[in-house]
Amino acid sequence: MSDQFLSSIGLTLVFVGLAIAFVAVVLLFLRGFKGKGGKVRGGGVVIIGPIPIIFGTDKESVKFILVLSIILVALLVILMVLWSNIFR
């Protein structure tokens, strides 16, 4: 694959991520006007190398993020192994 193709894919993914974040913020803003209150839950993960650091507001969100981070780290390891085998 060419460098230009990979950079265009990366740039496209950045813009798609920004668009998804913008739509999520707008939807949350509109939900606030409708008066549909609810329990606020959330969490996040910071991956430093292969080690995830997970935080959250409740057990359910932490479990969900833990599963997602395990899948992400597994995919990262698989891609690293495949990448090193392709470009030997």
C-alpha atoms as a PDB file:
ATOM      1  CA  MET A   1       0.000   0.000   0.000  1.00  0.00           C
ATOM      2  CA  SER A   2       1.190   3.457  -0.753  1.00  0.00           C
ATOM      3  CA  ASP A   3       1.863   6.082   1.875  1.00  0.00           C
ATOM      4  CA  GLN A   4      -0.666   8.423   0.326  1.00  0.00           C
ATOM      5  CA  PHE A   5      -3.406   5.786   0.538  1.00  0.00           C
ATOM      6  CA  LEU A   6      -2.660   5.047   4.196  1.00  0.00           C
ATOM      7  CA  SER A   7      -2.567   8.716   5.117  1.00  0.00           C
ATOM      8  CA  SER A   8      -5.907   9.325   3.389  1.00  0.00           C
ATOM      9  CA  ILE A   9      -7.441   6.422   5.326  1.00  0.00           C
ATOM     10  CA  GLY A  10      -6.085   7.862   8.576  1.00  0.00           C
ATOM     11  CA  LEU A  11      -7.383  11.330   7.817  1.00  0.00           C
ATOM     12  CA  THR A  12     -10.781   9.924   6.868  1.00  0.00           C
ATOM     13  CA  LEU A  13     -10.985   7.997  10.144  1.00  0.00           C
ATOM     14  CA  VAL A  14     -10.140  11.146  12.109  1.00  0.00           C
ATOM     15  CA  PHE A  15     -12.932  13.087  10.405  1.00  0.00           C
ATOM     16  CA  VAL A  16     -15.420  10.237  10.881  1.00  0.00           C
ATOM     17  CA  GLY A  17     -14.549  10.127  14.579  1.00  0.00           C
ATOM     18  CA  LEU A  18     -15.015  13.873  14.924  1.00  0.00           C
ATOM     19  CA  ALA A  19     -18.364  13.669  13.126  1.00  0.00           C
ATOM     20  CA  ILE A  20     -19.564  10.872  15.415  1.00  0.00           C
ATOM     21  CA  ALA A  21     -18.504  12.844  18.493  1.00  0.00           C
ATOM     22  CA  PHE A  22     -20.288  15.957  17.208  1.00  0.00           C
ATOM     23  CA  VAL A  23     -23.508  14.040  16.509  1.00  0.00           C
ATOM     24  CA  ALA A  24     -23.363  12.456  19.979  1.00  0.00           C
ATOM     25  CA  VAL A  25     -23.003  15.853  21.641  1.00  0.00           C
ATOM     26  CA  VAL A  26     -25.918  17.279  19.639  1.00  0.00           C
ATOM     27  CA  LEU A  27     -28.131  14.299  20.503  1.00  0.00           C
ATOM     28  CA  LEU A  28     -27.297  14.598  24.198  1.00  0.00           C
ATOM     29  CA  PHE A  29     -28.003  18.324  24.057  1.00  0.00           C
ATOM     30  CA  LEU A  30     -31.407  17.732  22.443  1.00  0.00           C
ATOM     31  CA  ARG A  31     -32.268  15.004  24.941  1.00  0.00           C
ATOM     32  CA  GLY A  32     -31.650  17.503  27.746  1.00  0.00           C
ATOM     33  CA  PHE A  33     -34.325  19.808  26.340  1.00  0.00           C
ATOM     34  CA  LYS A  34     -36.901  17.019  26.213  1.00  0.00           C
ATOM     35  CA  GLY A  35     -36.570  16.522  29.942  1.00  0.00           C
ATOM     36  CA  LYS A  36     -35.696  12.853  29.711  1.00  0.00           C
ATOM     37  CA  GLY A  37     -33.492  12.672  32.723  1.00  0.00           C
ATOM     38  CA  GLY A  38     -31.645   9.596  33.685  1.00  0.00           C
ATOM     39  CA  LYS A  39     -28.655   8.131  35.367  1.00  0.00           C
ATOM     40  CA  VAL A  40     -25.383   9.373  33.951  1.00  0.00           C
ATOM     41  CA  ARG A  41     -22.851   6.603  33.441  1.00  0.00           C
ATOM     42  CA  GLY A  42     -19.517   6.648  31.790  1.00  0.00           C
ATOM     43  CA  GLY A  43     -16.000   5.436  31.725  1.00  0.00           C
ATOM     44  CA  GLY A  44     -12.832   5.402  29.744  1.00  0.00           C
ATOM     45  CA  VAL A  45      -9.632   3.591  29.051  1.00  0.00           C
ATOM     46  CA  VAL A  46      -6.093   4.780  28.476  1.00  0.00           C
ATOM     47  CA  ILE A  47      -3.908   2.214  26.743  1.00  0.00           C
ATOM     48  CA  ILE A  48      -0.197   2.655  27.378  1.00  0.00           C
ATOM     49  CA  GLY A  49       1.562   0.025  25.331  1.00  0.00           C
ATOM     50  CA  PRO A  50      -0.263  -3.236  25.983  1.00  0.00           C
ATOM     51  CA  ILE A  51      -1.490  -2.182  29.445  1.00  0.00           C
ATOM     52  CA  PRO A  52      -5.003  -0.666  29.722  1.00  0.00           C
ATOM     53  CA  ILE A  53      -5.833   1.740  32.558  1.00  0.00           C
ATOM     54  CA  ILE A  54      -9.598   1.644  33.040  1.00  0.00           C
ATOM     55  CA  PHE A  55     -11.852   4.034  34.961  1.00  0.00           C
ATOM     56  CA  GLY A  56     -15.609   4.454  35.231  1.00  0.00           C
ATOM     57  CA  THR A  57     -18.545   5.612  37.292  1.00  0.00           C
ATOM     58  CA  ASP A  58     -20.201   2.242  37.898  1.00  0.00           C
ATOM     59  CA  LYS A  59     -19.466  -1.468  37.663  1.00  0.00           C
ATOM     60  CA  GLU A  60     -21.423  -2.070  34.454  1.00  0.00           C
ATOM     61  CA  SER A  61     -19.595   0.552  32.440  1.00  0.00           C
ATOM     62  CA  VAL A  62     -16.213  -0.592  33.770  1.00  0.00           C
ATOM     63  CA  LYS A  63     -16.991  -4.206  32.802  1.00  0.00           C
ATOM     64  CA  PHE A  64     -18.048  -3.120  29.311  1.00  0.00           C
ATOM     65  CA  ILE A  65     -14.927  -1.016  28.827  1.00  0.00           C
ATOM     66  CA  LEU A  66     -12.764  -3.834  30.200  1.00  0.00           C
ATOM     67  CA  VAL A  67     -14.102  -6.235  27.573  1.00  0.00           C
ATOM     68  CA  LEU A  68     -13.599  -3.670  24.821  1.00  0.00           C
ATOM     69  CA  SER A  69     -10.038  -2.932  25.931  1.00  0.00           C
ATOM     70  CA  ILE A  70      -9.168  -6.651  26.052  1.00  0.00           C
ATOM     71  CA  ILE A  71     -10.476  -7.039  22.503  1.00  0.00           C
ATOM     72  CA  LEU A  72      -8.529  -3.971  21.388  1.00  0.00           C
ATOM     73  CA  VAL A  73      -5.272  -5.163  22.940  1.00  0.00           C
ATOM     74  CA  ALA A  74      -5.757  -8.632  21.404  1.00  0.00           C
ATOM     75  CA  LEU A  75      -6.320  -7.068  17.974  1.00  0.00           C
ATOM     76  CA  LEU A  76      -3.245  -4.913  18.475  1.00  0.00           C
ATOM     77  CA  VAL A  77      -1.077  -7.938  19.271  1.00  0.00           C
ATOM     78  CA  ILE A  78      -2.480  -9.877  16.292  1.00  0.00           C
ATOM     79  CA  LEU A  79      -1.851  -6.957  13.941  1.00  0.00           C
ATOM     80  CA  MET A  80       1.689  -6.515  15.256  1.00  0.00           C
ATOM     81  CA  VAL A  81       2.462 -10.194  14.658  1.00  0.00           C
ATOM     82  CA  LEU A  82       0.910 -10.145  11.185  1.00  0.00           C
ATOM     83  CA  TRP A  83       2.667  -6.888  10.297  1.00  0.00           C
ATOM     84  CA  SER A  84       6.071  -8.256  11.311  1.00  0.00           C
ATOM     85  CA  ASN A  85       5.472 -11.442   9.293  1.00  0.00           C
ATOM     86  CA  ILE A  86       4.427  -9.515   6.181  1.00  0.00           C
ATOM     87  CA  PHE A  87       7.368  -7.138   6.123  1.00  0.00           C
ATOM     88  CA  ARG A  88      10.269  -9.503   6.888  1.00  0.00           C
END
